[in-house]
Amino acid sequence: MMCHHNGKLAQATIPFQIYREFFPVNESLYRGTMFRELYRPYVKMMRR
């Protein structure tokens, strides 16, 4: 069954952000971002 819908389904909004703290170049390559505020390391959880 085909659905023809011309209305808006979603709208993404991204707030403007100011980044103030930066990693040094060699460290930002290792971490995958140069912005300290965006760095969220993956923490593996232990299984029970």
N, C-alpha and C. Protein backbone atom coordinates (compact mmCIF):
# COMPACT_ATOMS: atom_id res chain seq x y z
N MET A 1 0.85 -1.18 0.00
CA MET A 1 0.00 0.00 0.00
C MET A 1 0.89 1.24 0.00
N MET A 2 0.71 2.12 -0.93
CA MET A 2 1.50 3.34 -1.04
C MET A 2 0.79 4.47 -0.30
N CYS A 3 1.55 5.24 0.40
CA CYS A 3 1.00 6.39 1.12
C CYS A 3 1.59 7.65 0.52
N HIS A 4 0.77 8.52 0.02
CA HIS A 4 1.23 9.79 -0.55
C HIS A 4 0.90 10.89 0.44
N HIS A 5 1.94 11.38 1.10
CA HIS A 5 1.77 12.39 2.15
C HIS A 5 2.68 13.56 1.82
N ASN A 6 2.12 14.71 1.65
CA ASN A 6 2.91 15.89 1.29
C ASN A 6 3.22 16.77 2.49
N GLY A 7 2.77 16.40 3.67
CA GLY A 7 3.00 17.20 4.86
C GLY A 7 4.41 17.00 5.42
N LYS A 8 4.79 17.85 6.33
CA LYS A 8 6.10 17.77 6.97
C LYS A 8 6.06 16.68 8.03
N LEU A 9 7.00 15.74 7.96
CA LEU A 9 7.05 14.64 8.92
C LEU A 9 7.87 14.98 10.15
N ALA A 10 8.93 15.73 9.96
CA ALA A 10 9.80 16.07 11.09
C ALA A 10 10.62 17.30 10.76
N GLN A 11 11.15 17.93 11.80
CA GLN A 11 12.03 19.07 11.60
C GLN A 11 13.11 19.01 12.68
N ALA A 12 14.34 18.97 12.26
CA ALA A 12 15.46 18.93 13.21
C ALA A 12 15.87 20.35 13.56
N THR A 13 16.09 20.58 14.83
CA THR A 13 16.61 21.87 15.26
C THR A 13 17.89 21.63 16.05
N ILE A 14 18.89 22.40 15.74
CA ILE A 14 20.19 22.26 16.40
C ILE A 14 20.55 23.61 16.99
N PRO A 15 20.64 23.70 18.32
CA PRO A 15 20.98 24.98 18.92
C PRO A 15 22.43 25.38 18.61
N PHE A 16 22.67 26.66 18.47
CA PHE A 16 24.01 27.16 18.24
C PHE A 16 24.84 26.94 19.50
N GLN A 17 26.04 26.42 19.33
CA GLN A 17 26.90 26.13 20.48
C GLN A 17 28.23 26.85 20.33
N ILE A 18 28.77 27.30 21.43
CA ILE A 18 30.09 27.93 21.45
C ILE A 18 31.02 26.98 22.18
N TYR A 19 32.08 26.58 21.50
CA TYR A 19 33.05 25.67 22.10
C TYR A 19 34.23 26.49 22.60
N ARG A 20 34.56 26.28 23.87
CA ARG A 20 35.60 27.10 24.50
C ARG A 20 36.88 26.34 24.80
N GLU A 21 36.78 25.04 24.97
CA GLU A 21 37.96 24.26 25.34
C GLU A 21 38.31 23.28 24.23
N PHE A 22 39.60 23.27 23.84
CA PHE A 22 40.05 22.42 22.75
C PHE A 22 41.16 21.49 23.22
N PHE A 23 41.20 20.29 22.61
CA PHE A 23 42.32 19.38 22.83
C PHE A 23 43.48 19.81 21.94
N PRO A 24 44.72 19.53 22.34
CA PRO A 24 45.85 19.72 21.42
C PRO A 24 45.66 18.83 20.18
N VAL A 25 46.30 19.19 19.07
CA VAL A 25 46.09 18.49 17.80
C VAL A 25 46.32 16.99 17.92
N ASN A 26 47.45 16.56 18.49
CA ASN A 26 47.73 15.12 18.57
C ASN A 26 46.72 14.39 19.45
N GLU A 27 46.25 15.03 20.50
CA GLU A 27 45.26 14.40 21.37
C GLU A 27 43.88 14.36 20.71
N SER A 28 43.53 15.39 19.96
CA SER A 28 42.23 15.40 19.28
C SER A 28 42.15 14.33 18.20
N LEU A 29 43.26 14.01 17.55
CA LEU A 29 43.27 12.91 16.58
C LEU A 29 43.02 11.58 17.29
N TYR A 30 43.58 11.41 18.46
CA TYR A 30 43.39 10.18 19.23
C TYR A 30 41.95 10.05 19.74
N ARG A 31 41.37 11.16 20.20
CA ARG A 31 40.04 11.13 20.80
C ARG A 31 38.91 11.24 19.78
N GLY A 32 39.20 11.69 18.56
CA GLY A 32 38.18 11.79 17.53
C GLY A 32 37.42 13.11 17.50
N THR A 33 37.80 14.05 18.35
CA THR A 33 37.20 15.38 18.35
C THR A 33 38.21 16.36 18.93
N MET A 34 38.13 17.60 18.49
CA MET A 34 39.01 18.61 19.06
C MET A 34 38.31 19.39 20.18
N PHE A 35 37.01 19.17 20.34
CA PHE A 35 36.23 19.91 21.33
C PHE A 35 36.07 19.09 22.61
N ARG A 36 36.56 19.62 23.72
CA ARG A 36 36.44 18.92 25.00
C ARG A 36 34.98 18.72 25.39
N GLU A 37 34.12 19.68 25.05
CA GLU A 37 32.71 19.59 25.42
C GLU A 37 31.99 18.45 24.70
N LEU A 38 32.51 18.01 23.56
CA LEU A 38 31.87 16.94 22.79
C LEU A 38 32.43 15.56 23.11
N TYR A 39 33.52 15.49 23.83
CA TYR A 39 34.17 14.20 24.08
C TYR A 39 33.36 13.38 25.07
N ARG A 40 32.90 12.22 24.63
CA ARG A 40 32.15 11.28 25.47
C ARG A 40 32.73 9.89 25.22
N PRO A 41 33.68 9.48 26.04
CA PRO A 41 34.31 8.17 25.81
C PRO A 41 33.35 7.02 26.05
N TYR A 42 33.55 5.96 25.30
CA TYR A 42 32.74 4.75 25.46
C TYR A 42 33.23 4.01 26.69
N VAL A 43 32.33 3.69 27.59
CA VAL A 43 32.68 2.95 28.80
C VAL A 43 31.98 1.60 28.73
N LYS A 44 32.77 0.55 28.65
CA LYS A 44 32.20 -0.79 28.55
C LYS A 44 31.65 -1.21 29.91
N MET A 45 30.42 -1.71 29.91
CA MET A 45 29.80 -2.14 31.16
C MET A 45 30.05 -3.63 31.36
N MET A 46 30.25 -4.00 32.59
CA MET A 46 30.48 -5.41 32.93
C MET A 46 29.16 -6.18 32.89
N ARG A 47 29.21 -7.37 32.36
CA ARG A 47 28.03 -8.23 32.35
C ARG A 47 27.98 -9.03 33.64
N ARG A 48 26.81 -9.30 34.11
CA ARG A 48 26.66 -10.11 35.33
C ARG A 48 26.56 -11.56 35.01
